[in-house]
PDB file of all heavy atoms in Angstrom:
ATOM      1  N   GLU A   1       0.840  -1.196   0.000  1.00  0.00           N
ATOM      2  CA  GLU A   1       0.000   0.000   0.000  1.00  0.00           C
ATOM      3  C   GLU A   1       0.878   1.249   0.000  1.00  0.00           C
ATOM      4  O   GLU A   1       1.792   1.380   0.815  1.00  0.00           O
ATOM      5  CB  GLU A   1      -0.925   0.004   1.218  1.00  0.00           C
ATOM      6  CG  GLU A   1      -1.954  -1.078   1.154  1.00  0.00           C
ATOM      7  CD  GLU A   1      -2.961  -1.015   2.280  1.00  0.00           C
ATOM      8  OE1 GLU A   1      -2.772  -0.227   3.224  1.00  0.00           O
ATOM      9  OE2 GLU A   1      -3.930  -1.760   2.208  1.00  0.00           O
ATOM     10  N   LEU A   2       0.588   2.137  -0.931  1.00  0.00           N
ATOM     11  CA  LEU A   2       1.318   3.391  -1.063  1.00  0.00           C
ATOM     12  C   LEU A   2       0.336   4.544  -1.028  1.00  0.00           C
ATOM     13  O   LEU A   2      -0.818   4.394  -1.424  1.00  0.00           O
ATOM     14  CB  LEU A   2       2.081   3.422  -2.389  1.00  0.00           C
ATOM     15  CG  LEU A   2       3.048   2.276  -2.639  1.00  0.00           C
ATOM     16  CD1 LEU A   2       3.528   2.313  -4.081  1.00  0.00           C
ATOM     17  CD2 LEU A   2       4.209   2.344  -1.677  1.00  0.00           C
ATOM     18  N   VAL A   3       0.786   5.698  -0.585  1.00  0.00           N
ATOM     19  CA  VAL A   3      -0.048   6.892  -0.602  1.00  0.00           C
ATOM     20  C   VAL A   3       0.382   7.746  -1.786  1.00  0.00           C
ATOM     21  O   VAL A   3       1.523   8.191  -1.863  1.00  0.00           O
ATOM     22  CB  VAL A   3       0.082   7.694   0.713  1.00  0.00           C
ATOM     23  CG1 VAL A   3      -0.739   8.967   0.644  1.00  0.00           C
ATOM     24  CG2 VAL A   3      -0.348   6.840   1.901  1.00  0.00           C
ATOM     25  N   ALA A   4      -0.556   7.931  -2.713  1.00  0.00           N
ATOM     26  CA  ALA A   4      -0.296   8.763  -3.888  1.00  0.00           C
ATOM     27  C   ALA A   4      -0.746  10.183  -3.576  1.00  0.00           C
ATOM     28  O   ALA A   4      -1.875  10.395  -3.145  1.00  0.00           O
ATOM     29  CB  ALA A   4      -1.055   8.225  -5.092  1.00  0.00           C
ATOM     30  N   VAL A   5       0.136  11.130  -3.775  1.00  0.00           N
ATOM     31  CA  VAL A   5      -0.166  12.541  -3.523  1.00  0.00           C
ATOM     32  C   VAL A   5      -0.402  13.220  -4.859  1.00  0.00           C
ATOM     33  O   VAL A   5       0.428  13.159  -5.760  1.00  0.00           O
ATOM     34  CB  VAL A   5       0.990  13.234  -2.768  1.00  0.00           C
ATOM     35  CG1 VAL A   5       0.661  14.703  -2.518  1.00  0.00           C
ATOM     36  CG2 VAL A   5       1.270  12.511  -1.463  1.00  0.00           C
ATOM     37  N   ARG A   6      -1.533  13.840  -4.981  1.00  0.00           N
ATOM     38  CA  ARG A   6      -1.895  14.535  -6.221  1.00  0.00           C
ATOM     39  C   ARG A   6      -1.370  15.960  -6.172  1.00  0.00           C
ATOM     40  O   ARG A   6      -1.723  16.727  -5.296  1.00  0.00           O
ATOM     41  CB  ARG A   6      -3.413  14.558  -6.374  1.00  0.00           C
ATOM     42  CG  ARG A   6      -4.021  13.200  -6.380  1.00  0.00           C
ATOM     43  CD  ARG A   6      -5.518  13.316  -6.365  1.00  0.00           C
ATOM     44  NE  ARG A   6      -6.115  12.003  -6.212  1.00  0.00           N
ATOM     45  CZ  ARG A   6      -7.365  11.805  -5.911  1.00  0.00           C
ATOM     46  NH1 ARG A   6      -8.182  12.810  -5.730  1.00  0.00           N
ATOM     47  NH2 ARG A   6      -7.827  10.589  -5.792  1.00  0.00           N
ATOM     48  N   ASN A   7      -0.578  16.332  -7.140  1.00  0.00           N
ATOM     49  CA  ASN A   7      -0.072  17.695  -7.211  1.00  0.00           C
ATOM     50  C   ASN A   7      -0.796  18.459  -8.323  1.00  0.00           C
ATOM     51  O   ASN A   7      -1.720  17.950  -8.949  1.00  0.00           O
ATOM     52  CB  ASN A   7       1.444  17.698  -7.414  1.00  0.00           C
ATOM     53  CG  ASN A   7       1.857  16.956  -8.667  1.00  0.00           C
ATOM     54  OD1 ASN A   7       1.067  16.783  -9.590  1.00  0.00           O
ATOM     55  ND2 ASN A   7       3.095  16.508  -8.688  1.00  0.00           N
ATOM     56  N   ALA A   8      -0.365  19.670  -8.604  1.00  0.00           N
ATOM     57  CA  ALA A   8      -1.024  20.505  -9.616  1.00  0.00           C
ATOM     58  C   ALA A   8      -0.936  19.876 -11.005  1.00  0.00           C
ATOM     59  O   ALA A   8      -1.891  19.934 -11.783  1.00  0.00           O
ATOM     60  CB  ALA A   8      -0.402  21.898  -9.627  1.00  0.00           C
ATOM     61  N   LYS A   9       0.175  19.247 -11.327  1.00  0.00           N
ATOM     62  CA  LYS A   9       0.331  18.604 -12.632  1.00  0.00           C
ATOM     63  C   LYS A   9      -0.661  17.445 -12.770  1.00  0.00           C
ATOM     64  O   LYS A   9      -1.277  17.260 -13.811  1.00  0.00           O
ATOM     65  CB  LYS A   9       1.765  18.107 -12.782  1.00  0.00           C
ATOM     66  CG  LYS A   9       2.084  17.545 -14.136  1.00  0.00           C
ATOM     67  CD  LYS A   9       3.557  17.155 -14.207  1.00  0.00           C
ATOM     68  CE  LYS A   9       3.895  16.583 -15.563  1.00  0.00           C
ATOM     69  NZ  LYS A   9       5.316  16.199 -15.636  1.00  0.00           N
ATOM     70  N   TRP A  10      -0.828  16.687 -11.703  1.00  0.00           N
ATOM     71  CA  TRP A  10      -1.786  15.586 -11.715  1.00  0.00           C
ATOM     72  C   TRP A  10      -3.203  16.120 -11.920  1.00  0.00           C
ATOM     73  O   TRP A  10      -3.979  15.563 -12.698  1.00  0.00           O
ATOM     74  CB  TRP A  10      -1.722  14.797 -10.410  1.00  0.00           C
ATOM     75  CG  TRP A  10      -2.684  13.666 -10.386  1.00  0.00           C
ATOM     76  CD1 TRP A  10      -2.436  12.385 -10.758  1.00  0.00           C
ATOM     77  CD2 TRP A  10      -4.063  13.715 -10.010  1.00  0.00           C
ATOM     78  NE1 TRP A  10      -3.573  11.629 -10.629  1.00  0.00           N
ATOM     79  CE2 TRP A  10      -4.586  12.424 -10.170  1.00  0.00           C
ATOM     80  CE3 TRP A  10      -4.905  14.712  -9.540  1.00  0.00           C
ATOM     81  CZ2 TRP A  10      -5.905  12.115  -9.887  1.00  0.00           C
ATOM     82  CZ3 TRP A  10      -6.228  14.409  -9.263  1.00  0.00           C
ATOM     83  CH2 TRP A  10      -6.710  13.122  -9.440  1.00  0.00           C
ATOM     84  N   ALA A  11      -3.563  17.198 -11.208  1.00  0.00           N
ATOM     85  CA  ALA A  11      -4.910  17.762 -11.311  1.00  0.00           C
ATOM     86  C   ALA A  11      -5.218  18.191 -12.740  1.00  0.00           C
ATOM     87  O   ALA A  11      -6.327  17.958 -13.244  1.00  0.00           O
ATOM     88  CB  ALA A  11      -5.060  18.940 -10.350  1.00  0.00           C
ATOM     89  N   LYS A  12      -4.251  18.815 -13.411  1.00  0.00           N
ATOM     90  CA  LYS A  12      -4.461  19.247 -14.792  1.00  0.00           C
ATOM     91  C   LYS A  12      -4.692  18.038 -15.699  1.00  0.00           C
ATOM     92  O   LYS A  12      -5.616  18.014 -16.510  1.00  0.00           O
ATOM     93  CB  LYS A  12      -3.259  20.051 -15.279  1.00  0.00           C
ATOM     94  CG  LYS A  12      -3.396  20.569 -16.676  1.00  0.00           C
ATOM     95  CD  LYS A  12      -2.176  21.381 -17.088  1.00  0.00           C
ATOM     96  CE  LYS A  12      -2.298  21.836 -18.530  1.00  0.00           C
ATOM     97  NZ  LYS A  12      -1.097  22.550 -18.964  1.00  0.00           N
ATOM     98  N   ALA A  13      -3.859  17.004 -15.559  1.00  0.00           N
ATOM     99  CA  ALA A  13      -4.011  15.792 -16.373  1.00  0.00           C
ATOM    100  C   ALA A  13      -5.332  15.098 -16.084  1.00  0.00           C
ATOM    101  O   ALA A  13      -5.996  14.602 -16.999  1.00  0.00           O
ATOM    102  CB  ALA A  13      -2.844  14.846 -16.117  1.00  0.00           C
ATOM    103  N   TRP A  14      -5.757  15.078 -14.818  1.00  0.00           N
ATOM    104  CA  TRP A  14      -7.023  14.444 -14.433  1.00  0.00           C
ATOM    105  C   TRP A  14      -8.200  15.156 -15.084  1.00  0.00           C
ATOM    106  O   TRP A  14      -9.105  14.527 -15.617  1.00  0.00           O
ATOM    107  CB  TRP A  14      -7.149  14.441 -12.918  1.00  0.00           C
ATOM    108  CG  TRP A  14      -8.433  13.904 -12.391  1.00  0.00           C
ATOM    109  CD1 TRP A  14      -9.407  14.600 -11.739  1.00  0.00           C
ATOM    110  CD2 TRP A  14      -8.918  12.554 -12.468  1.00  0.00           C
ATOM    111  NE1 TRP A  14     -10.445  13.779 -11.403  1.00  0.00           N
ATOM    112  CE2 TRP A  14     -10.175  12.519 -11.831  1.00  0.00           C
ATOM    113  CE3 TRP A  14      -8.408  11.383 -13.005  1.00  0.00           C
ATOM    114  CZ2 TRP A  14     -10.917  11.349 -11.725  1.00  0.00           C
ATOM    115  CZ3 TRP A  14      -9.158  10.222 -12.896  1.00  0.00           C
ATOM    116  CH2 TRP A  14     -10.390  10.223 -12.263  1.00  0.00           C
ATOM    117  N   LYS A  15      -8.200  16.477 -15.071  1.00  0.00           N
ATOM    118  CA  LYS A  15      -9.298  17.233 -15.676  1.00  0.00           C
ATOM    119  C   LYS A  15      -9.349  17.021 -17.187  1.00  0.00           C
ATOM    120  O   LYS A  15     -10.424  16.897 -17.767  1.00  0.00           O
ATOM    121  CB  LYS A  15      -9.187  18.709 -15.312  1.00  0.00           C
ATOM    122  CG  LYS A  15      -9.537  18.946 -13.856  1.00  0.00           C
ATOM    123  CD  LYS A  15      -9.418  20.383 -13.448  1.00  0.00           C
ATOM    124  CE  LYS A  15      -9.709  20.497 -11.969  1.00  0.00           C
ATOM    125  NZ  LYS A  15      -9.542  21.821 -11.464  1.00  0.00           N
ATOM    126  N   GLN A  16      -8.192  16.958 -17.830  1.00  0.00           N
ATOM    127  CA  GLN A  16      -8.161  16.679 -19.271  1.00  0.00           C
ATOM    128  C   GLN A  16      -8.714  15.289 -19.555  1.00  0.00           C
ATOM    129  O   GLN A  16      -9.480  15.099 -20.499  1.00  0.00           O
ATOM    130  CB  GLN A  16      -6.733  16.791 -19.802  1.00  0.00           C
ATOM    131  CG  GLN A  16      -6.216  18.195 -19.864  1.00  0.00           C
ATOM    132  CD  GLN A  16      -4.750  18.248 -20.256  1.00  0.00           C
ATOM    133  OE1 GLN A  16      -4.048  17.245 -20.247  1.00  0.00           O
ATOM    134  NE2 GLN A  16      -4.281  19.447 -20.591  1.00  0.00           N
ATOM    135  N   HIS A  17      -8.359  14.341 -18.729  1.00  0.00           N
ATOM    136  CA  HIS A  17      -8.852  12.967 -18.906  1.00  0.00           C
ATOM    137  C   HIS A  17     -10.369  12.914 -18.701  1.00  0.00           C
ATOM    138  O   HIS A  17     -11.076  12.231 -19.458  1.00  0.00           O
ATOM    139  CB  HIS A  17      -8.140  12.037 -17.922  1.00  0.00           C
ATOM    140  CG  HIS A  17      -8.561  10.612 -18.030  1.00  0.00           C
ATOM    141  ND1 HIS A  17      -8.302   9.839 -19.145  1.00  0.00           N
ATOM    142  CD2 HIS A  17      -9.233   9.813 -17.167  1.00  0.00           C
ATOM    143  CE1 HIS A  17      -8.794   8.631 -18.957  1.00  0.00           C
ATOM    144  NE2 HIS A  17      -9.359   8.589 -17.765  1.00  0.00           N
ATOM    145  N   LEU A  18     -10.881  13.629 -17.719  1.00  0.00           N
ATOM    146  CA  LEU A  18     -12.335  13.642 -17.486  1.00  0.00           C
ATOM    147  C   LEU A  18     -13.080  14.257 -18.667  1.00  0.00           C
ATOM    148  O   LEU A  18     -14.141  13.760 -19.061  1.00  0.00           O
ATOM    149  CB  LEU A  18     -12.665  14.411 -16.206  1.00  0.00           C
ATOM    150  CG  LEU A  18     -12.408  13.667 -14.914  1.00  0.00           C
ATOM    151  CD1 LEU A  18     -12.725  14.562 -13.730  1.00  0.00           C
ATOM    152  CD2 LEU A  18     -13.205  12.388 -14.840  1.00  0.00           C
ATOM    153  N   ARG A  19     -12.533  15.332 -19.228  1.00  0.00           N
ATOM    154  CA  ARG A  19     -13.162  15.930 -20.408  1.00  0.00           C
ATOM    155  C   ARG A  19     -13.212  14.924 -21.550  1.00  0.00           C
ATOM    156  O   ARG A  19     -14.221  14.797 -22.246  1.00  0.00           O
ATOM    157  CB  ARG A  19     -12.408  17.195 -20.839  1.00  0.00           C
ATOM    158  CG  ARG A  19     -12.730  18.400 -19.977  1.00  0.00           C
ATOM    159  CD  ARG A  19     -12.257  19.699 -20.620  1.00  0.00           C
ATOM    160  NE  ARG A  19     -10.815  19.762 -20.759  1.00  0.00           N
ATOM    161  CZ  ARG A  19      -9.992  20.254 -19.839  1.00  0.00           C
ATOM    162  NH1 ARG A  19     -10.470  20.726 -18.720  1.00  0.00           N
ATOM    163  NH2 ARG A  19      -8.697  20.283 -20.058  1.00  0.00           N
ATOM    164  N   TRP A  20     -12.125  14.187 -21.737  1.00  0.00           N
ATOM    165  CA  TRP A  20     -12.061  13.164 -22.775  1.00  0.00           C
ATOM    166  C   TRP A  20     -13.114  12.079 -22.527  1.00  0.00           C
ATOM    167  O   TRP A  20     -13.813  11.665 -23.443  1.00  0.00           O
ATOM    168  CB  TRP A  20     -10.653  12.564 -22.789  1.00  0.00           C
ATOM    169  CG  TRP A  20     -10.427  11.526 -23.836  1.00  0.00           C
ATOM    170  CD1 TRP A  20     -10.063  11.728 -25.134  1.00  0.00           C
ATOM    171  CD2 TRP A  20     -10.547  10.114 -23.679  1.00  0.00           C
ATOM    172  NE1 TRP A  20      -9.935  10.529 -25.798  1.00  0.00           N
ATOM    173  CE2 TRP A  20     -10.236   9.516 -24.913  1.00  0.00           C
ATOM    174  CE3 TRP A  20     -10.880   9.297 -22.608  1.00  0.00           C
ATOM    175  CZ2 TRP A  20     -10.255   8.145 -25.097  1.00  0.00           C
ATOM    176  CZ3 TRP A  20     -10.894   7.932 -22.802  1.00  0.00           C
ATOM    177  CH2 TRP A  20     -10.591   7.376 -24.041  1.00  0.00           C
ATOM    178  N   LEU A  21     -13.247  11.643 -21.274  1.00  0.00           N
ATOM    179  CA  LEU A  21     -14.246  10.622 -20.928  1.00  0.00           C
ATOM    180  C   LEU A  21     -15.672  11.131 -21.150  1.00  0.00           C
ATOM    181  O   LEU A  21     -16.528  10.410 -21.666  1.00  0.00           O
ATOM    182  CB  LEU A  21     -14.079  10.184 -19.475  1.00  0.00           C
ATOM    183  CG  LEU A  21     -12.862   9.337 -19.146  1.00  0.00           C
ATOM    184  CD1 LEU A  21     -12.759   9.127 -17.639  1.00  0.00           C
ATOM    185  CD2 LEU A  21     -12.913   8.005 -19.871  1.00  0.00           C
ATOM    186  N   ARG A  22     -15.928  12.391 -20.755  1.00  0.00           N
ATOM    187  CA  ARG A  22     -17.276  12.955 -20.923  1.00  0.00           C
ATOM    188  C   ARG A  22     -17.664  13.074 -22.388  1.00  0.00           C
ATOM    189  O   ARG A  22     -18.803  12.827 -22.754  1.00  0.00           O
ATOM    190  CB  ARG A  22     -17.357  14.311 -20.234  1.00  0.00           C
ATOM    191  CG  ARG A  22     -17.539  14.180 -18.762  1.00  0.00           C
ATOM    192  CD  ARG A  22     -17.976  15.497 -18.144  1.00  0.00           C
ATOM    193  NE  ARG A  22     -17.490  15.505 -16.783  1.00  0.00           N
ATOM    194  CZ  ARG A  22     -16.394  16.105 -16.380  1.00  0.00           C
ATOM    195  NH1 ARG A  22     -15.666  16.807 -17.196  1.00  0.00           N
ATOM    196  NH2 ARG A  22     -16.023  16.031 -15.126  1.00  0.00           N
ATOM    197  N   ARG A  23     -16.715  13.475 -23.236  1.00  0.00           N
ATOM    198  CA  ARG A  23     -17.003  13.576 -24.676  1.00  0.00           C
ATOM    199  C   ARG A  23     -17.433  12.236 -25.250  1.00  0.00           C
ATOM    200  O   ARG A  23     -18.194  12.179 -26.198  1.00  0.00           O
ATOM    201  CB  ARG A  23     -15.780  14.104 -25.425  1.00  0.00           C
ATOM    202  CG  ARG A  23     -15.603  15.602 -25.298  1.00  0.00           C
ATOM    203  CD  ARG A  23     -14.561  16.112 -26.285  1.00  0.00           C
ATOM    204  NE  ARG A  23     -13.279  15.463 -26.060  1.00  0.00           N
ATOM    205  CZ  ARG A  23     -12.197  16.059 -25.570  1.00  0.00           C
ATOM    206  NH1 ARG A  23     -12.247  17.323 -25.264  1.00  0.00           N
ATOM    207  NH2 ARG A  23     -11.078  15.393 -25.405  1.00  0.00           N
ATOM    208  N   ARG A  24     -16.938  11.170 -24.690  1.00  0.00           N
ATOM    209  CA  ARG A  24     -17.285   9.827 -25.154  1.00  0.00           C
ATOM    210  C   ARG A  24     -18.437   9.208 -24.366  1.00  0.00           C
ATOM    211  O   ARG A  24     -18.777   8.055 -24.567  1.00  0.00           O
ATOM    212  CB  ARG A  24     -16.058   8.922 -25.073  1.00  0.00           C
ATOM    213  CG  ARG A  24     -15.092   9.226 -26.214  1.00  0.00           C
ATOM    214  CD  ARG A  24     -13.669   8.909 -25.852  1.00  0.00           C
ATOM    215  NE  ARG A  24     -12.743   9.314 -26.906  1.00  0.00           N
ATOM    216  CZ  ARG A  24     -12.322  10.546 -27.102  1.00  0.00           C
ATOM    217  NH1 ARG A  24     -12.756  11.517 -26.330  1.00  0.00           N
ATOM    218  NH2 ARG A  24     -11.474  10.837 -28.074  1.00  0.00           N
ATOM    219  N   GLY A  25     -19.007   9.985 -23.424  1.00  0.00           N
ATOM    220  CA  GLY A  25     -20.135   9.505 -22.637  1.00  0.00           C
ATOM    221  C   GLY A  25     -19.762   8.449 -21.611  1.00  0.00           C
ATOM    222  O   GLY A  25     -20.616   7.676 -21.180  1.00  0.00           O
ATOM    223  N   LEU A  26     -18.501   8.422 -21.207  1.00  0.00           N
ATOM    224  CA  LEU A  26     -18.046   7.405 -20.267  1.00  0.00           C
ATOM    225  C   LEU A  26     -17.995   7.884 -18.821  1.00  0.00           C
ATOM    226  O   LEU A  26     -17.744   7.093 -17.919  1.00  0.00           O
ATOM    227  CB  LEU A  26     -16.646   6.917 -20.680  1.00  0.00           C
ATOM    228  CG  LEU A  26     -16.565   6.305 -22.074  1.00  0.00           C
ATOM    229  CD1 LEU A  26     -15.120   6.019 -22.436  1.00  0.00           C
ATOM    230  CD2 LEU A  26     -17.402   5.035 -22.130  1.00  0.00           C
ATOM    231  N   ALA A  27     -18.214   9.167 -18.577  1.00  0.00           N
ATOM    232  CA  ALA A  27     -18.182   9.706 -17.214  1.00  0.00           C
ATOM    233  C   ALA A  27     -19.206  10.812 -17.095  1.00  0.00           C
ATOM    234  O   ALA A  27     -19.505  11.515 -18.055  1.00  0.00           O
ATOM    235  CB  ALA A  27     -16.792  10.238 -16.887  1.00  0.00           C
ATOM    236  N   ASP A  28     -19.751  10.935 -15.903  1.00  0.00           N
ATOM    237  CA  ASP A  28     -20.630  12.062 -15.609  1.00  0.00           C
ATOM    238  C   ASP A  28     -20.218  12.634 -14.259  1.00  0.00           C
ATOM    239  O   ASP A  28     -19.448  12.041 -13.532  1.00  0.00           O
ATOM    240  CB  ASP A  28     -22.101  11.654 -15.616  1.00  0.00           C
ATOM    241  CG  ASP A  28     -22.379  10.485 -14.697  1.00  0.00           C
ATOM    242  OD1 ASP A  28     -21.417   9.853 -14.240  1.00  0.00           O
ATOM    243  OD2 ASP A  28     -23.543  10.207 -14.447  1.00  0.00           O
ATOM    244  N   GLY A  29     -20.704  13.781 -13.903  1.00  0.00           N
ATOM    245  CA  GLY A  29     -20.307  14.447 -12.670  1.00  0.00           C
ATOM    246  C   GLY A  29     -19.121  15.353 -12.927  1.00  0.00           C
ATOM    247  O   GLY A  29     -18.446  15.261 -13.940  1.00  0.00           O
ATOM    248  N   SER A  30     -18.882  16.233 -11.981  1.00  0.00           N
ATOM    249  CA  SER A  30     -17.783  17.182 -12.140  1.00  0.00           C
ATOM    250  C   SER A  30     -16.473  16.567 -11.657  1.00  0.00           C
ATOM    251  O   SER A  30     -16.455  15.580 -10.928  1.00  0.00           O
ATOM    252  CB  SER A  30     -18.080  18.448 -11.338  1.00  0.00           C
ATOM    253  OG  SER A  30     -18.018  18.161  -9.951  1.00  0.00           O
ATOM    254  N   ALA A  31     -15.393  17.172 -12.043  1.00  0.00           N
ATOM    255  CA  ALA A  31     -14.078  16.707 -11.603  1.00  0.00           C
ATOM    256  C   ALA A  31     -13.963  16.803 -10.092  1.00  0.00           C
ATOM    257  O   ALA A  31     -13.364  15.955  -9.452  1.00  0.00           O
ATOM    258  CB  ALA A  31     -12.986  17.545 -12.273  1.00  0.00           C
ATOM    259  N   GLU A  32     -14.562  17.838  -9.499  1.00  0.00           N
ATOM    260  CA  GLU A  32     -14.494  18.013  -8.060  1.00  0.00           C
ATOM    261  C   GLU A  32     -15.205  16.867  -7.349  1.00  0.00           C
ATOM    262  O   GLU A  32     -14.740  16.376  -6.328  1.00  0.00           O
ATOM    263  CB  GLU A  32     -15.099  19.353  -7.638  1.00  0.00           C
ATOM    264  CG  GLU A  32     -14.281  20.563  -8.079  1.00  0.00           C
ATOM    265  CD  GLU A  32     -14.441  20.898  -9.570  1.00  0.00           C
ATOM    266  OE1 GLU A  32     -15.465  20.528 -10.175  1.00  0.00           O
ATOM    267  OE2 GLU A  32     -13.533  21.518 -10.125  1.00  0.00           O
ATOM    268  N   ASP A  33     -16.360  16.424  -7.876  1.00  0.00           N
ATOM    269  CA  ASP A  33     -17.074  15.302  -7.274  1.00  0.00           C
ATOM    270  C   ASP A  33     -16.228  14.046  -7.303  1.00  0.00           C
ATOM    271  O   ASP A  33     -16.156  13.299  -6.334  1.00  0.00           O
ATOM    272  CB  ASP A  33     -18.395  15.028  -8.007  1.00  0.00           C
ATOM    273  CG  ASP A  33     -19.409  16.134  -7.816  1.00  0.00           C
ATOM    274  OD1 ASP A  33     -19.251  16.919  -6.854  1.00  0.00           O
ATOM    275  OD2 ASP A  33     -20.349  16.215  -8.627  1.00  0.00           O
ATOM    276  N   LEU A  34     -15.591  13.781  -8.434  1.00  0.00           N
ATOM    277  CA  LEU A  34     -14.789  12.576  -8.560  1.00  0.00           C
ATOM    278  C   LEU A  34     -13.511  12.670  -7.739  1.00  0.00           C
ATOM    279  O   LEU A  34     -13.020  11.675  -7.232  1.00  0.00           O
ATOM    280  CB  LEU A  34     -14.461  12.306 -10.030  1.00  0.00           C
ATOM    281  CG  LEU A  34     -15.673  11.943 -10.887  1.00  0.00           C
ATOM    282  CD1 LEU A  34     -15.278  11.900 -12.351  1.00  0.00           C
ATOM    283  CD2 LEU A  34     -16.285  10.629 -10.461  1.00  0.00           C
ATOM    284  N   ASP A  35     -12.962  13.874  -7.575  1.00  0.00           N
ATOM    285  CA  ASP A  35     -11.758  14.048  -6.777  1.00  0.00           C
ATOM    286  C   ASP A  35     -12.002  13.721  -5.314  1.00  0.00           C
ATOM    287  O   ASP A  35     -11.119  13.251  -4.622  1.00  0.00           O
ATOM    288  CB  ASP A  35     -11.239  15.488  -6.869  1.00  0.00           C
ATOM    289  CG  ASP A  35     -10.504  15.751  -8.167  1.00  0.00           C
ATOM    290  OD1 ASP A  35     -10.139  14.772  -8.831  1.00  0.00           O
ATOM    291  OD2 ASP A  35     -10.308  16.920  -8.496  1.00  0.00           O
ATOM    292  N   LYS A  36     -13.206  13.990  -4.818  1.00  0.00           N
ATOM    293  CA  LYS A  36     -13.499  13.792  -3.398  1.00  0.00           C
ATOM    294  C   LYS A  36     -13.686  12.329  -3.041  1.00  0.00           C
ATOM    295  O   LYS A  36     -13.677  11.973  -1.883  1.00  0.00           O
ATOM    296  CB  LYS A  36     -14.738  14.588  -3.000  1.00  0.00           C
ATOM    297  CG  LYS A  36     -14.482  16.079  -3.020  1.00  0.00           C
ATOM    298  CD  LYS A  36     -15.693  16.859  -2.620  1.00  0.00           C
ATOM    299  CE  LYS A  36     -15.401  18.349  -2.701  1.00  0.00           C
ATOM    300  NZ  LYS A  36     -16.537  19.154  -2.371  1.00  0.00           N
ATOM    301  N   LYS A  37     -13.860  11.478  -4.032  1.00  0.00           N
ATOM    302  CA  LYS A  37     -14.063  10.063  -3.759  1.00  0.00           C
ATOM    303  C   LYS A  37     -12.711   9.401  -3.537  1.00  0.00           C
ATOM    304  O   LYS A  37     -11.912   9.281  -4.446  1.00  0.00           O
ATOM    305  CB  LYS A  37     -14.804   9.394  -4.914  1.00  0.00           C
ATOM    306  CG  LYS A  37     -16.209   9.918  -5.066  1.00  0.00           C
ATOM    307  CD  LYS A  37     -16.900   9.250  -6.223  1.00  0.00           C
ATOM    308  CE  LYS A  37     -18.284   9.860  -6.407  1.00  0.00           C
ATOM    309  NZ  LYS A  37     -18.944   9.360  -7.605  1.00  0.00           N
ATOM    310  N   THR A  38     -12.450   9.000  -2.305  1.00  0.00           N
ATOM    311  CA  THR A  38     -11.205   8.326  -1.969  1.00  0.00           C
ATOM    312  C   THR A  38     -11.452   6.829  -1.998  1.00  0.00           C
ATOM    313  O   THR A  38     -12.366   6.349  -1.348  1.00  0.00           O
ATOM    314  CB  THR A  38     -10.729   8.752  -0.565  1.00  0.00           C
ATOM    315  OG1 THR A  38     -10.573  10.164  -0.556  1.00  0.00           O
ATOM    316  CG2 THR A  38      -9.420   8.083  -0.215  1.00  0.00           C
ATOM    317  N   PRO A  39     -10.671   6.082  -2.746  1.00  0.00           N
ATOM    318  CA  PRO A  39     -10.893   4.641  -2.817  1.00  0.00           C
ATOM    319  C   PRO A  39     -10.761   3.975  -1.463  1.00  0.00           C
ATOM    320  O   PRO A  39      -9.894   4.329  -0.673  1.00  0.00           O
ATOM    321  CB  PRO A  39      -9.792   4.141  -3.754  1.00  0.00           C
ATOM    322  CG  PRO A  39      -9.220   5.337  -4.389  1.00  0.00           C
ATOM    323  CD  PRO A  39      -9.545   6.517  -3.532  1.00  0.00           C
ATOM    324  N   ASP A  40     -11.615   3.001  -1.180  1.00  0.00           N
ATOM    325  CA  ASP A  40     -11.546   2.216   0.040  1.00  0.00           C
ATOM    326  C   ASP A  40     -10.693   0.998  -0.242  1.00  0.00           C
ATOM    327  O   ASP A  40     -11.052   0.157  -1.051  1.00  0.00           O
ATOM    328  CB  ASP A  40     -12.954   1.800   0.466  1.00  0.00           C
ATOM    329  CG  ASP A  40     -12.936   0.953   1.727  1.00  0.00           C
ATOM    330  OD1 ASP A  40     -11.868   0.868   2.360  1.00  0.00           O
ATOM    331  OD2 ASP A  40     -13.993   0.380   2.063  1.00  0.00           O
TER     332      ASP A  40
END
């Protein structure tokens, strides 16, 4: 188990990836909603 720390570069890449997913209808919700979900 490792702790991944998201920095500003990660946030930019994540938002670009979410836009790509939304254009293809593969994701819904805002980036902020998905960011708050911490995997169990």
